[in-house]
Amino acid sequence: MRVSEKGDAVTYSYKGPVEEEAQKCARELAKLEQELPILEAIFSKANKEFNKAKKRRLNLIGFLNLVEEKYEIKVR
């Protein structure tokens, strides 16, 4: 089954008997429903690590700027 979205309109298209396509979609949905909690956990952990690294980077830059300014030591 394919989905085409144009503005607010959604169009579904498929080939073959509708019963077979519906069965394939139901299997795909069941698989996605099992995978989504795992993917959400992975995304959440990665997002936390990313934010932590960004904050650490800003802190390191701030410290190095302070050292260069106050102690006149060229670090970078």
PDB file of N, CA and C in Angstrom:
ATOM      1  N   MET A   1       0.843  -1.153   0.000  1.00  0.00           N
ATOM      2  CA  MET A   1       0.000   0.000   0.000  1.00  0.00           C
ATOM      3  C   MET A   1       0.899   1.229   0.000  1.00  0.00           C
ATOM      4  N   ARG A   2       0.522   2.190  -0.826  1.00  0.00           N
ATOM      5  CA  ARG A   2       1.269   3.436  -0.916  1.00  0.00           C
ATOM      6  C   ARG A   2       0.367   4.573  -0.470  1.00  0.00           C
ATOM      7  N   VAL A   3       0.995   5.613   0.073  1.00  0.00           N
ATOM      8  CA  VAL A   3       0.260   6.768   0.556  1.00  0.00           C
ATOM      9  C   VAL A   3       0.760   7.998  -0.192  1.00  0.00           C
ATOM     10  N   SER A   4      -0.185   8.803  -0.646  1.00  0.00           N
ATOM     11  CA  SER A   4       0.143  10.065  -1.298  1.00  0.00           C
ATOM     12  C   SER A   4      -0.558  11.178  -0.534  1.00  0.00           C
ATOM     13  N   GLU A   5       0.225  12.155  -0.081  1.00  0.00           N
ATOM     14  CA  GLU A   5      -0.347  13.266   0.685  1.00  0.00           C
ATOM     15  C   GLU A   5      -0.158  14.551  -0.101  1.00  0.00           C
ATOM     16  N   LYS A   6      -1.263  15.240  -0.341  1.00  0.00           N
ATOM     17  CA  LYS A   6      -1.229  16.543  -1.005  1.00  0.00           C
ATOM     18  C   LYS A   6      -2.100  17.478  -0.196  1.00  0.00           C
ATOM     19  N   GLY A   7      -1.435  18.385   0.514  1.00  0.00           N
ATOM     20  CA  GLY A   7      -2.187  19.287   1.384  1.00  0.00           C
ATOM     21  C   GLY A   7      -2.827  18.508   2.511  1.00  0.00           C
ATOM     22  N   ASP A   8      -4.134  18.647   2.656  1.00  0.00           N
ATOM     23  CA  ASP A   8      -4.869  17.913   3.690  1.00  0.00           C
ATOM     24  C   ASP A   8      -5.412  16.583   3.185  1.00  0.00           C
ATOM     25  N   ALA A   9      -5.291  16.326   1.881  1.00  0.00           N
ATOM     26  CA  ALA A   9      -5.847  15.106   1.288  1.00  0.00           C
ATOM     27  C   ALA A   9      -4.840  13.965   1.352  1.00  0.00           C
ATOM     28  N   VAL A  10      -5.333  12.798   1.713  1.00  0.00           N
ATOM     29  CA  VAL A  10      -4.513  11.584   1.753  1.00  0.00           C
ATOM     30  C   VAL A  10      -5.144  10.571   0.814  1.00  0.00           C
ATOM     31  N   THR A  11      -4.305  10.007  -0.084  1.00  0.00           N
ATOM     32  CA  THR A  11      -4.784   9.012  -1.038  1.00  0.00           C
ATOM     33  C   THR A  11      -4.019   7.722  -0.820  1.00  0.00           C
ATOM     34  N   TYR A  12      -4.740   6.600  -0.704  1.00  0.00           N
ATOM     35  CA  TYR A  12      -4.137   5.278  -0.547  1.00  0.00           C
ATOM     36  C   TYR A  12      -4.266   4.539  -1.871  1.00  0.00           C
ATOM     37  N   SER A  13      -3.189   3.876  -2.293  1.00  0.00           N
ATOM     38  CA  SER A  13      -3.266   3.080  -3.511  1.00  0.00           C
ATOM     39  C   SER A  13      -2.615   1.722  -3.241  1.00  0.00           C
ATOM     40  N   TYR A  14      -3.094   0.706  -3.937  1.00  0.00           N
ATOM     41  CA  TYR A  14      -2.584  -0.653  -3.774  1.00  0.00           C
ATOM     42  C   TYR A  14      -2.831  -1.421  -5.049  1.00  0.00           C
ATOM     43  N   LYS A  15      -2.142  -2.551  -5.174  1.00  0.00           N
ATOM     44  CA  LYS A  15      -2.328  -3.448  -6.313  1.00  0.00           C
ATOM     45  C   LYS A  15      -2.796  -4.789  -5.793  1.00  0.00           C
ATOM     46  N   GLY A  16      -3.574  -5.463  -6.582  1.00  0.00           N
ATOM     47  CA  GLY A  16      -4.043  -6.792  -6.217  1.00  0.00           C
ATOM     48  C   GLY A  16      -5.307  -6.735  -5.374  1.00  0.00           C
ATOM     49  N   PRO A  17      -5.710  -7.901  -4.867  1.00  0.00           N
ATOM     50  CA  PRO A  17      -6.931  -7.974  -4.052  1.00  0.00           C
ATOM     51  C   PRO A  17      -6.793  -7.180  -2.758  1.00  0.00           C
ATOM     52  N   VAL A  18      -7.843  -6.487  -2.400  1.00  0.00           N
ATOM     53  CA  VAL A  18      -7.824  -5.642  -1.210  1.00  0.00           C
ATOM     54  C   VAL A  18      -7.626  -6.471   0.069  1.00  0.00           C
ATOM     55  N   GLU A  19      -8.146  -7.713   0.076  1.00  0.00           N
ATOM     56  CA  GLU A  19      -8.002  -8.562   1.265  1.00  0.00           C
ATOM     57  C   GLU A  19      -6.534  -8.874   1.534  1.00  0.00           C
ATOM     58  N   GLU A  20      -5.786  -9.208   0.472  1.00  0.00           N
ATOM     59  CA  GLU A  20      -4.368  -9.519   0.633  1.00  0.00           C
ATOM     60  C   GLU A  20      -3.599  -8.283   1.095  1.00  0.00           C
ATOM     61  N   GLU A  21      -3.907  -7.130   0.525  1.00  0.00           N
ATOM     62  CA  GLU A  21      -3.225  -5.898   0.903  1.00  0.00           C
ATOM     63  C   GLU A  21      -3.533  -5.541   2.361  1.00  0.00           C
ATOM     64  N   ALA A  22      -4.771  -5.761   2.774  1.00  0.00           N
ATOM     65  CA  ALA A  22      -5.157  -5.487   4.157  1.00  0.00           C
ATOM     66  C   ALA A  22      -4.401  -6.405   5.116  1.00  0.00           C
ATOM     67  N   GLN A  23      -4.210  -7.675   4.751  1.00  0.00           N
ATOM     68  CA  GLN A  23      -3.466  -8.614   5.592  1.00  0.00           C
ATOM     69  C   GLN A  23      -2.002  -8.186   5.706  1.00  0.00           C
ATOM     70  N   LYS A  24      -1.403  -7.770   4.593  1.00  0.00           N
ATOM     71  CA  LYS A  24      -0.017  -7.303   4.624  1.00  0.00           C
ATOM     72  C   LYS A  24       0.111  -6.068   5.510  1.00  0.00           C
ATOM     73  N   CYS A  25      -0.840  -5.162   5.399  1.00  0.00           N
ATOM     74  CA  CYS A  25      -0.808  -3.950   6.226  1.00  0.00           C
ATOM     75  C   CYS A  25      -0.966  -4.289   7.710  1.00  0.00           C
ATOM     76  N   ALA A  26      -1.823  -5.249   8.016  1.00  0.00           N
ATOM     77  CA  ALA A  26      -2.022  -5.647   9.411  1.00  0.00           C
ATOM     78  C   ALA A  26      -0.742  -6.247   9.984  1.00  0.00           C
ATOM     79  N   ARG A  27      -0.028  -7.060   9.192  1.00  0.00           N
ATOM     80  CA  ARG A  27       1.240  -7.639   9.653  1.00  0.00           C
ATOM     81  C   ARG A  27       2.286  -6.542   9.864  1.00  0.00           C
ATOM     82  N   GLU A  28       2.337  -5.604   8.926  1.00  0.00           N
ATOM     83  CA  GLU A  28       3.293  -4.505   9.061  1.00  0.00           C
ATOM     84  C   GLU A  28       2.988  -3.654  10.291  1.00  0.00           C
ATOM     85  N   LEU A  29       1.717  -3.402  10.542  1.00  0.00           N
ATOM     86  CA  LEU A  29       1.310  -2.628  11.711  1.00  0.00           C
ATOM     87  C   LEU A  29       1.709  -3.339  13.000  1.00  0.00           C
ATOM     88  N   ALA A  30       1.478  -4.647  13.075  1.00  0.00           N
ATOM     89  CA  ALA A  30       1.850  -5.413  14.271  1.00  0.00           C
ATOM     90  C   ALA A  30       3.361  -5.333  14.510  1.00  0.00           C
ATOM     91  N   LYS A  31       4.143  -5.431  13.437  1.00  0.00           N
ATOM     92  CA  LYS A  31       5.594  -5.353  13.555  1.00  0.00           C
ATOM     93  C   LYS A  31       6.022  -3.966  14.045  1.00  0.00           C
ATOM     94  N   LEU A  32       5.427  -2.922  13.469  1.00  0.00           N
ATOM     95  CA  LEU A  32       5.762  -1.558  13.874  1.00  0.00           C
ATOM     96  C   LEU A  32       5.380  -1.286  15.330  1.00  0.00           C
ATOM     97  N   GLU A  33       4.256  -1.811  15.753  1.00  0.00           N
ATOM     98  CA  GLU A  33       3.828  -1.599  17.140  1.00  0.00           C
ATOM     99  C   GLU A  33       4.786  -2.248  18.127  1.00  0.00           C
ATOM    100  N   GLN A  34       5.452  -3.330  17.712  1.00  0.00           N
ATOM    101  CA  GLN A  34       6.461  -3.948  18.572  1.00  0.00           C
ATOM    102  C   GLN A  34       7.762  -3.165  18.552  1.00  0.00           C
ATOM    103  N   GLU A  35       8.119  -2.605  17.396  1.00  0.00           N
ATOM    104  CA  GLU A  35       9.395  -1.903  17.250  1.00  0.00           C
ATOM    105  C   GLU A  35       9.378  -0.494  17.832  1.00  0.00           C
ATOM    106  N   LEU A  36       8.247   0.181  17.797  1.00  0.00           N
ATOM    107  CA  LEU A  36       8.195   1.580  18.209  1.00  0.00           C
ATOM    108  C   LEU A  36       8.670   1.838  19.636  1.00  0.00           C
ATOM    109  N   PRO A  37       8.283   1.046  20.639  1.00  0.00           N
ATOM    110  CA  PRO A  37       8.806   1.314  21.990  1.00  0.00           C
ATOM    111  C   PRO A  37      10.335   1.190  22.069  1.00  0.00           C
ATOM    112  N   ILE A  38      10.892   0.253  21.328  1.00  0.00           N
ATOM    113  CA  ILE A  38      12.341   0.078  21.313  1.00  0.00           C
ATOM    114  C   ILE A  38      12.996   1.292  20.649  1.00  0.00           C
ATOM    115  N   LEU A  39      12.454   1.698  19.516  1.00  0.00           N
ATOM    116  CA  LEU A  39      12.999   2.858  18.809  1.00  0.00           C
ATOM    117  C   LEU A  39      12.860   4.133  19.634  1.00  0.00           C
ATOM    118  N   GLU A  40      11.754   4.250  20.356  1.00  0.00           N
ATOM    119  CA  GLU A  40      11.554   5.429  21.209  1.00  0.00           C
ATOM    120  C   GLU A  40      12.593   5.477  22.323  1.00  0.00           C
ATOM    121  N   ALA A  41      12.891   4.323  22.915  1.00  0.00           N
ATOM    122  CA  ALA A  41      13.900   4.268  23.972  1.00  0.00           C
ATOM    123  C   ALA A  41      15.282   4.621  23.427  1.00  0.00           C
ATOM    124  N   ILE A  42      15.602   4.111  22.246  1.00  0.00           N
ATOM    125  CA  ILE A  42      16.890   4.416  21.620  1.00  0.00           C
ATOM    126  C   ILE A  42      16.983   5.910  21.329  1.00  0.00           C
ATOM    127  N   PHE A  43      15.917   6.477  20.773  1.00  0.00           N
ATOM    128  CA  PHE A  43      15.895   7.903  20.450  1.00  0.00           C
ATOM    129  C   PHE A  43      16.048   8.744  21.715  1.00  0.00           C
ATOM    130  N   SER A  44      15.333   8.370  22.770  1.00  0.00           N
ATOM    131  CA  SER A  44      15.386   9.131  24.015  1.00  0.00           C
ATOM    132  C   SER A  44      16.797   9.128  24.593  1.00  0.00           C
ATOM    133  N   LYS A  45      17.426   7.960  24.614  1.00  0.00           N
ATOM    134  CA  LYS A  45      18.782   7.857  25.151  1.00  0.00           C
ATOM    135  C   LYS A  45      19.762   8.659  24.296  1.00  0.00           C
ATOM    136  N   ALA A  46      19.649   8.546  22.985  1.00  0.00           N
ATOM    137  CA  ALA A  46      20.542   9.286  22.093  1.00  0.00           C
ATOM    138  C   ALA A  46      20.333  10.789  22.246  1.00  0.00           C
ATOM    139  N   ASN A  47      19.095  11.203  22.383  1.00  0.00           N
ATOM    140  CA  ASN A  47      18.790  12.626  22.536  1.00  0.00           C
ATOM    141  C   ASN A  47      19.380  13.168  23.842  1.00  0.00           C
ATOM    142  N   LYS A  48      19.288  12.390  24.921  1.00  0.00           N
ATOM    143  CA  LYS A  48      19.869  12.801  26.197  1.00  0.00           C
ATOM    144  C   LYS A  48      21.380  12.925  26.082  1.00  0.00           C
ATOM    145  N   GLU A  49      22.021  11.956  25.447  1.00  0.00           N
ATOM    146  CA  GLU A  49      23.475  11.988  25.271  1.00  0.00           C
ATOM    147  C   GLU A  49      23.885  13.177  24.413  1.00  0.00           C
ATOM    148  N   PHE A  50      23.109  13.464  23.375  1.00  0.00           N
ATOM    149  CA  PHE A  50      23.404  14.595  22.502  1.00  0.00           C
ATOM    150  C   PHE A  50      23.327  15.908  23.270  1.00  0.00           C
ATOM    151  N   ASN A  51      22.260  16.085  24.041  1.00  0.00           N
ATOM    152  CA  ASN A  51      22.101  17.311  24.823  1.00  0.00           C
ATOM    153  C   ASN A  51      23.203  17.450  25.874  1.00  0.00           C
ATOM    154  N   LYS A  52      23.579  16.335  26.474  1.00  0.00           N
ATOM    155  CA  LYS A  52      24.645  16.341  27.472  1.00  0.00           C
ATOM    156  C   LYS A  52      25.972  16.754  26.830  1.00  0.00           C
ATOM    157  N   ALA A  53      26.248  16.239  25.644  1.00  0.00           N
ATOM    158  CA  ALA A  53      27.490  16.576  24.945  1.00  0.00           C
ATOM    159  C   ALA A  53      27.493  18.048  24.524  1.00  0.00           C
ATOM    160  N   LYS A  54      26.351  18.553  24.071  1.00  0.00           N
ATOM    161  CA  LYS A  54      26.271  19.967  23.692  1.00  0.00           C
ATOM    162  C   LYS A  54      26.538  20.871  24.889  1.00  0.00           C
ATOM    163  N   LYS A  55      25.955  20.530  26.044  1.00  0.00           N
ATOM    164  CA  LYS A  55      26.159  21.325  27.255  1.00  0.00           C
ATOM    165  C   LYS A  55      27.617  21.264  27.694  1.00  0.00           C
ATOM    166  N   ARG A  56      28.209  20.084  27.637  1.00  0.00           N
ATOM    167  CA  ARG A  56      29.615  19.922  28.023  1.00  0.00           C
ATOM    168  C   ARG A  56      30.514  20.737  27.100  1.00  0.00           C
ATOM    169  N   ARG A  57      30.213  20.735  25.803  1.00  0.00           N
ATOM    170  CA  ARG A  57      30.988  21.511  24.834  1.00  0.00           C
ATOM    171  C   ARG A  57      30.952  22.994  25.183  1.00  0.00           C
ATOM    172  N   LEU A  58      29.761  23.518  25.502  1.00  0.00           N
ATOM    173  CA  LEU A  58      29.638  24.923  25.869  1.00  0.00           C
ATOM    174  C   LEU A  58      30.424  25.241  27.138  1.00  0.00           C
ATOM    175  N   ASN A  59      30.379  24.333  28.111  1.00  0.00           N
ATOM    176  CA  ASN A  59      31.140  24.531  29.346  1.00  0.00           C
ATOM    177  C   ASN A  59      32.644  24.528  29.091  1.00  0.00           C
ATOM    178  N   LEU A  60      33.105  23.633  28.237  1.00  0.00           N
ATOM    179  CA  LEU A  60      34.531  23.583  27.912  1.00  0.00           C
ATOM    180  C   LEU A  60      34.972  24.848  27.187  1.00  0.00           C
ATOM    181  N   ILE A  61      34.176  25.307  26.250  1.00  0.00           N
ATOM    182  CA  ILE A  61      34.497  26.545  25.530  1.00  0.00           C
ATOM    183  C   ILE A  61      34.549  27.717  26.500  1.00  0.00           C
ATOM    184  N   GLY A  62      33.572  27.793  27.397  1.00  0.00           N
ATOM    185  CA  GLY A  62      33.554  28.871  28.386  1.00  0.00           C
ATOM    186  C   GLY A  62      34.776  28.855  29.272  1.00  0.00           C
ATOM    187  N   PHE A  63      35.186  27.691  29.729  1.00  0.00           N
ATOM    188  CA  PHE A  63      36.367  27.583  30.581  1.00  0.00           C
ATOM    189  C   PHE A  63      37.625  27.994  29.822  1.00  0.00           C
ATOM    190  N   LEU A  64      37.759  27.513  28.600  1.00  0.00           N
ATOM    191  CA  LEU A  64      38.945  27.855  27.819  1.00  0.00           C
ATOM    192  C   LEU A  64      38.996  29.352  27.515  1.00  0.00           C
ATOM    193  N   ASN A  65      37.866  29.943  27.242  1.00  0.00           N
ATOM    194  CA  ASN A  65      37.833  31.393  27.022  1.00  0.00           C
ATOM    195  C   ASN A  65      38.271  32.138  28.285  1.00  0.00           C
ATOM    196  N   LEU A  66      37.806  31.682  29.434  1.00  0.00           N
ATOM    197  CA  LEU A  66      38.182  32.288  30.706  1.00  0.00           C
ATOM    198  C   LEU A  66      39.691  32.176  30.944  1.00  0.00           C
ATOM    199  N   VAL A  67      40.232  31.001  30.724  1.00  0.00           N
ATOM    200  CA  VAL A  67      41.667  30.778  30.924  1.00  0.00           C
ATOM    201  C   VAL A  67      42.468  31.677  29.990  1.00  0.00           C
ATOM    202  N   GLU A  68      42.062  31.749  28.731  1.00  0.00           N
ATOM    203  CA  GLU A  68      42.792  32.585  27.772  1.00  0.00           C
ATOM    204  C   GLU A  68      42.707  34.056  28.137  1.00  0.00           C
ATOM    205  N   GLU A  69      41.554  34.470  28.635  1.00  0.00           N
ATOM    206  CA  GLU A  69      41.359  35.888  28.971  1.00  0.00           C
ATOM    207  C   GLU A  69      42.066  36.267  30.272  1.00  0.00           C
ATOM    208  N   LYS A  70      41.838  35.477  31.318  1.00  0.00           N
ATOM    209  CA  LYS A  70      42.328  35.836  32.640  1.00  0.00           C
ATOM    210  C   LYS A  70      43.817  35.555  32.806  1.00  0.00           C
ATOM    211  N   TYR A  71      44.267  34.417  32.336  1.00  0.00           N
ATOM    212  CA  TYR A  71      45.653  34.010  32.556  1.00  0.00           C
ATOM    213  C   TYR A  71      46.535  34.237  31.336  1.00  0.00           C
ATOM    214  N   GLU A  72      45.954  34.712  30.261  1.00  0.00           N
ATOM    215  CA  GLU A  72      46.670  34.981  29.016  1.00  0.00           C
ATOM    216  C   GLU A  72      47.459  33.766  28.544  1.00  0.00           C
ATOM    217  N   ILE A  73      46.824  32.607  28.654  1.00  0.00           N
ATOM    218  CA  ILE A  73      47.418  31.368  28.193  1.00  0.00           C
ATOM    219  C   ILE A  73      46.680  30.977  26.903  1.00  0.00           C
ATOM    220  N   LYS A  74      47.430  30.782  25.847  1.00  0.00           N
ATOM    221  CA  LYS A  74      46.822  30.387  24.573  1.00  0.00           C
ATOM    222  C   LYS A  74      46.680  28.870  24.556  1.00  0.00           C
ATOM    223  N   VAL A  75      45.415  28.423  24.590  1.00  0.00           N
ATOM    224  CA  VAL A  75      45.154  26.987  24.638  1.00  0.00           C
ATOM    225  C   VAL A  75      44.744  26.471  23.263  1.00  0.00           C
ATOM    226  N   ARG A  76      44.042  27.283  22.527  1.00  0.00           N
ATOM    227  CA  ARG A  76      43.566  26.847  21.209  1.00  0.00           C
ATOM    228  C   ARG A  76      44.229  27.640  20.119  1.00  0.00           C
TER     229      ARG A  76
END
